[in-house]
Protein backbone atom coordinates (compact mmCIF):
# COMPACT_ATOMS: atom_id res chain seq x y z
CA MET A 1 -26.85 8.50 -3.89
CA PRO A 2 -29.17 6.30 -6.00
CA ASP A 3 -29.57 2.74 -4.76
CA ASP A 4 -28.91 1.36 -8.24
CA LEU A 5 -25.26 2.37 -7.81
CA TYR A 6 -25.11 -0.39 -5.18
CA SER A 7 -26.95 -3.02 -7.24
CA ASP A 8 -23.76 -5.10 -7.46
CA VAL A 9 -23.40 -5.25 -3.66
CA LEU A 10 -24.76 -8.33 -1.88
CA ASP A 11 -26.05 -7.86 1.68
CA GLU A 12 -25.36 -11.06 3.64
CA GLN A 13 -25.36 -12.44 7.19
CA LEU A 14 -25.09 -15.54 9.32
CA VAL A 15 -26.06 -16.54 12.85
CA ARG A 16 -23.26 -17.56 15.20
CA PRO A 17 -23.57 -20.45 17.72
CA ASP A 18 -24.33 -17.97 20.52
CA GLY A 19 -27.32 -16.64 18.56
CA ARG A 20 -25.72 -13.40 17.40
CA THR A 21 -26.19 -12.16 13.85
CA VAL A 22 -23.00 -11.20 11.98
CA ALA A 23 -23.51 -9.19 8.79
CA TRP A 24 -21.34 -8.10 5.86
CA THR A 25 -21.59 -6.95 2.24
CA ARG A 26 -19.81 -8.49 -0.72
CA THR A 27 -19.12 -7.18 -4.18
CA GLY A 28 -17.13 -8.36 -7.19
CA GLU A 29 -15.59 -11.64 -8.19
CA GLY A 30 -12.01 -12.86 -8.08
CA THR A 31 -9.28 -12.32 -5.50
CA PRO A 32 -10.92 -12.10 -2.05
CA VAL A 33 -10.15 -9.08 0.13
CA LEU A 34 -11.54 -8.92 3.67
CA ARG A 35 -12.06 -5.22 4.43
CA LEU A 36 -12.58 -3.93 7.98
CA PRO A 37 -14.09 -0.43 8.33
CA GLY A 38 -13.12 2.39 10.62
CA THR A 39 -15.12 3.60 13.62
CA PRO A 40 -18.04 4.12 13.52
CA GLY A 41 -18.44 1.99 10.42
CA SER A 42 -20.67 -0.67 8.96
CA ARG A 43 -20.92 -3.26 6.23
CA TRP A 44 -21.94 -0.37 3.97
CA SER A 45 -18.56 1.34 4.39
CA VAL A 46 -18.19 0.65 0.68
CA ARG A 47 -16.57 2.96 -1.85
CA ALA A 48 -19.23 4.70 -3.90
CA ASP A 49 -16.74 4.56 -6.79
CA ARG A 50 -15.66 0.92 -6.86
CA SER A 51 -13.74 1.06 -10.15
CA ILE A 52 -10.48 0.62 -8.20
CA TRP A 53 -11.73 -2.78 -7.00
CA VAL A 54 -13.19 -3.81 -10.36
CA GLU A 55 -9.99 -2.99 -12.26
CA ARG A 56 -8.04 -5.33 -9.98
CA GLY A 57 -10.52 -8.18 -10.17
CA LEU A 58 -11.33 -8.17 -6.46
CA GLN A 59 -14.11 -9.76 -4.43
CA VAL A 60 -14.38 -7.31 -1.55
CA ILE A 61 -16.04 -8.43 1.69
CA ASN A 62 -16.93 -5.45 3.88
CA THR A 63 -17.56 -6.45 7.48
CA GLU A 64 -19.12 -4.79 10.51
CA ARG A 65 -18.46 -5.34 14.17
CA PRO A 66 -20.92 -6.25 16.96
CA GLY A 67 -23.41 -3.49 17.73
CA PHE A 68 -23.15 -1.80 14.35
CA GLY A 69 -25.64 -2.16 11.51
CA ASP A 70 -27.33 -5.55 11.51
CA SER A 71 -24.67 -7.22 13.69
CA THR A 72 -25.84 -8.09 17.20
CA ARG A 73 -24.26 -6.15 20.03
CA LEU A 74 -21.79 -7.95 22.34
CA PRO A 75 -21.31 -5.79 25.48
CA GLY A 76 -17.83 -5.88 26.98
CA ARG A 77 -16.25 -7.26 23.82
CA LYS A 78 -12.67 -6.65 22.91
CA PHE A 79 -11.04 -7.97 19.72
CA ARG A 80 -10.78 -11.75 19.86
CA GLU A 81 -14.55 -12.19 19.56
CA HIS A 82 -14.77 -10.39 16.23
CA SER A 83 -11.70 -12.15 14.85
CA ASP A 84 -13.59 -15.42 15.33
CA ASP A 85 -16.64 -13.88 13.62
CA LEU A 86 -14.45 -13.06 10.62
CA ALA A 87 -13.18 -16.63 10.44
CA ALA A 88 -16.80 -17.81 10.49
CA ILE A 89 -17.63 -15.49 7.57
CA LEU A 90 -14.80 -17.00 5.55
CA ASP A 91 -15.99 -20.51 6.41
CA HIS A 92 -19.50 -19.57 5.31
CA LEU A 93 -18.20 -18.22 1.97
CA GLY A 94 -15.90 -21.19 1.43
CA LEU A 95 -12.75 -19.06 1.49
CA ASP A 96 -9.58 -20.51 2.98
CA ARG A 97 -7.30 -17.46 2.78
CA VAL A 98 -7.83 -13.79 1.99
CA TYR A 99 -6.00 -10.51 1.73
CA LEU A 100 -6.81 -8.45 4.80
CA THR A 101 -7.15 -4.68 5.05
CA GLY A 102 -8.57 -2.23 7.55
CA GLY A 103 -8.37 1.42 8.47
CA SER A 104 -8.58 3.68 11.49
CA GLY A 105 -10.60 1.86 14.19
CA GLY A 106 -10.36 -1.31 12.13
CA ALA A 107 -6.62 -1.56 12.91
CA PRO A 108 -6.77 -3.55 16.19
CA HIS A 109 -9.24 -5.91 14.54
CA VAL A 110 -6.81 -6.49 11.65
CA LEU A 111 -4.10 -7.28 14.20
CA ALA A 112 -6.41 -9.57 16.19
CA PHE A 113 -7.40 -11.57 13.11
CA ALA A 114 -3.77 -11.87 11.98
CA ALA A 115 -2.76 -13.01 15.47
CA HIS A 116 -5.57 -15.51 16.09
CA HIS A 117 -6.13 -16.81 12.55
CA PRO A 118 -2.75 -16.46 10.79
CA ASP A 119 -3.48 -19.34 8.43
CA ARG A 120 -6.40 -17.40 6.91
CA VAL A 121 -4.37 -14.33 5.85
CA VAL A 122 -2.25 -14.06 2.68
CA ALA A 123 -1.00 -10.56 3.54
CA ALA A 124 -2.37 -7.62 5.52
CA THR A 125 -2.54 -3.85 5.31
CA VAL A 126 -3.49 -1.23 7.90
CA MET A 127 -4.38 2.27 6.74
CA VAL A 128 -4.05 5.15 9.24
CA GLY A 129 -4.81 2.74 12.06
CA LEU A 130 -5.46 3.63 15.66
CA PRO A 131 -2.62 2.38 17.93
CA PRO A 132 -2.47 2.46 21.74
CA LEU A 133 -1.62 5.98 22.88
CA GLU A 134 0.76 7.51 25.40
CA ASP A 135 -0.24 10.51 27.52
CA ASP A 136 1.25 13.24 25.33
CA GLU A 137 -0.35 11.82 22.18
CA TYR A 138 -3.94 12.45 23.25
CA GLU A 139 -3.38 16.18 22.79
CA GLN A 140 -2.23 15.63 19.20
CA MET A 141 -5.71 14.42 18.21
CA ILE A 142 -8.77 16.37 17.15
CA PRO A 143 -10.57 17.58 20.31
CA PHE A 144 -13.44 15.08 20.02
CA ASN A 145 -11.00 12.15 20.00
CA THR A 146 -8.87 13.62 22.78
CA THR A 147 -11.85 13.72 25.14
CA ALA A 148 -13.39 10.42 24.05
CA PHE A 149 -10.22 8.35 24.24
CA ARG A 150 -9.22 9.81 27.59
CA SER A 151 -12.60 8.71 28.95
CA ALA A 152 -12.16 5.27 27.38
CA ARG A 153 -8.64 4.94 28.79
CA ASP A 154 -9.88 5.88 32.26
CA GLY A 155 -12.81 3.46 32.01
CA ASP A 156 -15.20 6.39 32.50
CA GLU A 157 -18.13 4.84 30.65
CA GLU A 158 -20.60 7.47 31.87
CA ALA A 159 -18.59 10.40 30.47
CA LEU A 160 -17.92 8.57 27.22
CA ARG A 161 -21.58 7.66 26.79
CA GLU A 162 -22.62 11.28 27.38
CA GLN A 163 -20.19 12.55 24.73
CA LEU A 164 -21.14 9.93 22.13
CA ALA A 165 -24.86 10.33 22.83
CA ALA A 166 -24.70 14.04 22.04
CA ALA A 167 -23.12 13.28 18.67
CA TYR A 168 -25.56 10.45 18.02
CA GLU A 169 -28.57 12.72 18.53
CA VAL A 170 -27.28 14.90 15.68
CA VAL A 171 -26.47 11.89 13.47
CA LYS A 172 -30.14 10.89 13.53
CA THR A 173 -31.10 13.88 11.38
CA ALA A 174 -27.76 14.97 9.87
CA PRO A 175 -25.53 11.89 9.53
CA LEU A 176 -22.29 13.71 8.64
CA ALA A 177 -22.71 16.82 10.79
CA PRO A 178 -20.83 15.49 13.86
CA LEU A 179 -17.97 14.32 11.63
CA ASP A 180 -17.81 17.72 9.94
CA THR A 181 -17.70 19.45 13.33
CA ALA A 182 -15.15 17.06 14.83
CA MET A 183 -12.85 17.35 11.81
CA ALA A 184 -12.99 21.14 11.58
CA THR A 185 -9.36 21.41 12.72
CA ALA A 186 -8.10 18.47 10.65
CA PRO A 187 -5.42 18.89 7.97
CA ALA A 188 -6.42 20.56 4.69
CA SER A 189 -6.02 17.27 2.82
CA ASP A 190 -8.76 15.71 4.97
CA LEU A 191 -11.10 18.66 4.47
CA ALA A 192 -10.62 18.46 0.71
CA ILE A 193 -11.64 14.79 0.63
CA MET A 194 -14.59 15.49 2.91
CA SER A 195 -15.88 18.07 0.43
CA ASP A 196 -16.07 15.49 -2.38
CA PRO A 197 -19.80 14.75 -2.98
CA VAL A 198 -19.08 11.15 -4.02
CA TRP A 199 -17.12 10.53 -0.81
CA ARG A 200 -19.86 12.18 1.25
CA ALA A 201 -22.61 10.09 -0.34
CA GLY A 202 -20.82 6.85 0.46
CA GLN A 203 -19.93 8.00 3.96
CA GLU A 204 -23.51 9.01 4.71
CA ARG A 205 -24.86 5.62 3.69
CA ALA A 206 -22.26 3.89 5.88
CA MET A 207 -23.06 6.13 8.85
CA VAL A 208 -26.82 5.65 8.66
CA ALA A 209 -26.32 1.88 8.52
CA ALA A 210 -23.81 1.91 11.38
CA PHE A 211 -26.35 3.37 13.81
CA ALA A 212 -29.33 1.25 12.73
CA GLN A 213 -29.67 -0.21 16.25
CA GLY A 214 -28.48 2.80 18.23
CA MET A 215 -25.10 3.96 19.57
CA ASP A 216 -24.17 1.18 22.00
CA GLY A 217 -21.92 -0.56 19.48
CA TRP A 218 -19.92 2.67 19.17
CA LEU A 219 -19.59 2.86 22.95
CA ASP A 220 -18.39 -0.75 23.17
CA GLU A 221 -15.84 -0.18 20.44
CA MET A 222 -14.40 3.00 21.96
CA LEU A 223 -14.04 1.30 25.35
CA ALA A 224 -12.22 -1.62 23.71
CA MET A 225 -9.88 0.57 21.67
CA GLY A 226 -9.11 2.93 24.52
CA GLY A 227 -8.50 0.14 27.02
CA GLU A 228 -5.74 -2.45 27.26
CA TRP A 229 -5.35 -4.65 24.18
CA THR A 230 -4.89 -7.74 26.31
CA ASP A 231 -6.31 -10.21 23.79
CA ILE A 232 -3.93 -9.31 20.95
CA ASP A 233 -0.49 -10.94 21.13
CA LEU A 234 1.53 -8.75 18.76
CA THR A 235 4.45 -11.19 18.79
CA ALA A 236 2.17 -13.91 17.40
CA ILE A 237 1.60 -12.00 14.15
CA SER A 238 3.60 -13.69 11.39
CA THR A 239 1.66 -12.24 8.47
CA SER A 240 3.38 -9.77 6.14
CA LEU A 241 1.88 -6.41 7.11
CA THR A 242 2.25 -2.88 5.77
CA TRP A 243 1.04 0.02 7.91
CA TRP A 244 0.32 3.22 5.97
CA HIS A 245 0.03 6.36 8.10
CA GLY A 246 -0.40 10.08 7.49
CA SER A 247 2.40 12.22 8.83
CA THR A 248 -0.11 14.95 9.76
CA ASP A 249 -2.89 12.62 10.93
CA ARG A 250 -4.78 14.20 13.84
CA ASN A 251 -7.11 11.26 14.38
CA CYS A 252 -4.35 8.72 15.02
CA PRO A 253 -0.96 10.30 15.89
CA PHE A 254 1.95 9.22 13.68
CA SER A 255 4.27 8.71 16.65
CA ALA A 256 1.92 6.09 18.11
CA ALA A 257 1.78 4.20 14.80
CA GLU A 258 5.57 4.32 14.56
CA ARG A 259 5.93 2.85 18.05
CA LEU A 260 3.40 0.07 17.44
CA VAL A 261 4.89 -1.01 14.12
CA LYS A 262 8.27 -1.49 15.83
CA GLN A 263 6.59 -4.15 18.01
CA LEU A 264 5.33 -6.12 15.00
CA PRO A 265 7.92 -8.63 13.78
CA THR A 266 6.79 -8.65 10.13
CA ALA A 267 5.49 -5.09 9.67
CA THR A 268 6.69 -2.16 7.59
CA LEU A 269 5.64 1.47 8.11
CA ARG A 270 4.95 3.59 5.03
CA GLU A 271 4.42 7.30 5.50
CA LEU A 272 1.59 9.14 3.78
CA GLY A 273 2.36 12.83 3.49
CA ALA A 274 -1.15 13.87 4.49
CA GLY A 275 -3.96 13.35 6.99
CA HIS A 276 -6.39 10.66 8.07
CA PHE A 277 -8.44 10.28 4.90
CA GLU A 278 -5.56 10.15 2.42
CA PRO A 279 -5.95 6.38 1.83
CA TYR A 280 -9.20 7.17 0.00
CA ASN A 281 -7.16 8.94 -2.69
CA ARG A 282 -4.41 6.31 -2.77
CA GLU A 283 -6.35 3.08 -2.35
CA GLY A 284 -5.26 1.81 -5.77
CA GLU A 285 -1.59 2.14 -4.85
CA ILE A 286 -2.21 0.64 -1.41
CA LEU A 287 -4.06 -2.36 -2.86
CA ASP A 288 -1.35 -2.96 -5.46
CA GLU A 289 1.30 -3.08 -2.71
CA LEU A 290 -0.86 -5.49 -0.69
CA LEU A 291 -1.53 -7.83 -3.63
CA ALA A 292 2.15 -7.82 -4.64
CA ARG A 293 3.10 -9.30 -1.28
CA GLY A 294 0.92 -12.31 -1.95
CA ARG A 295 2.35 -13.17 -5.33
């Protein structure tokens, strides 16, 4: 996709007190929305068609987590560390409070930011987020995720690294090929979105950026998500939160999302009658619901 289609996107970063670089992109003016990408994702996990954001007068800040893109790796990280990075980004931009949204692997990071920095969030939304899983739910996922998250749960870093490394070697020359292979058994709604050339162009740019410094950030993130979420106190979340989830999602089982939402005092579950990528088609509706809760 031509670079001039991203001419409105600012590429920004700061250096944290520990010397790490934290990077993000920013586009638009107006109501600030802090947007956390899925896994693996980067600051360039930006919609190629941003008319949905422009029509709503949004300033969208797309973040990336340690080890992805231009953001320095932080081995052994969980979720609290990045929540503090996000607060530092807002300080740097002079923003007191924002709307918060994140999807898939961004979900625990949304929850961590809402738990640790509740005064910075107007309202929050999670789209098809990854929750902690019970044993029977691993088999409901696409095979790649079943294997990877079992290894992460068991703390088998060697097996997880081997699996991710094989995919990463393919990404180097064909950025979307591992995703296409992994999602081969996904619901038809996901496959339809994945065939959209505009979606693919945006996804390819995000994927190339995500692996700019290698695959270790992906490994760190999978270990964090598959392990115990000990640094997120769900009962501390007081922010209004809506969790949208596909009823046929094979990346993040619906039953796990249902169970997690019941533990969140201020959360509401909204069912999407489709798979994991359905929020791409319904982002306008999802944003309108989020913004309405802040009025």
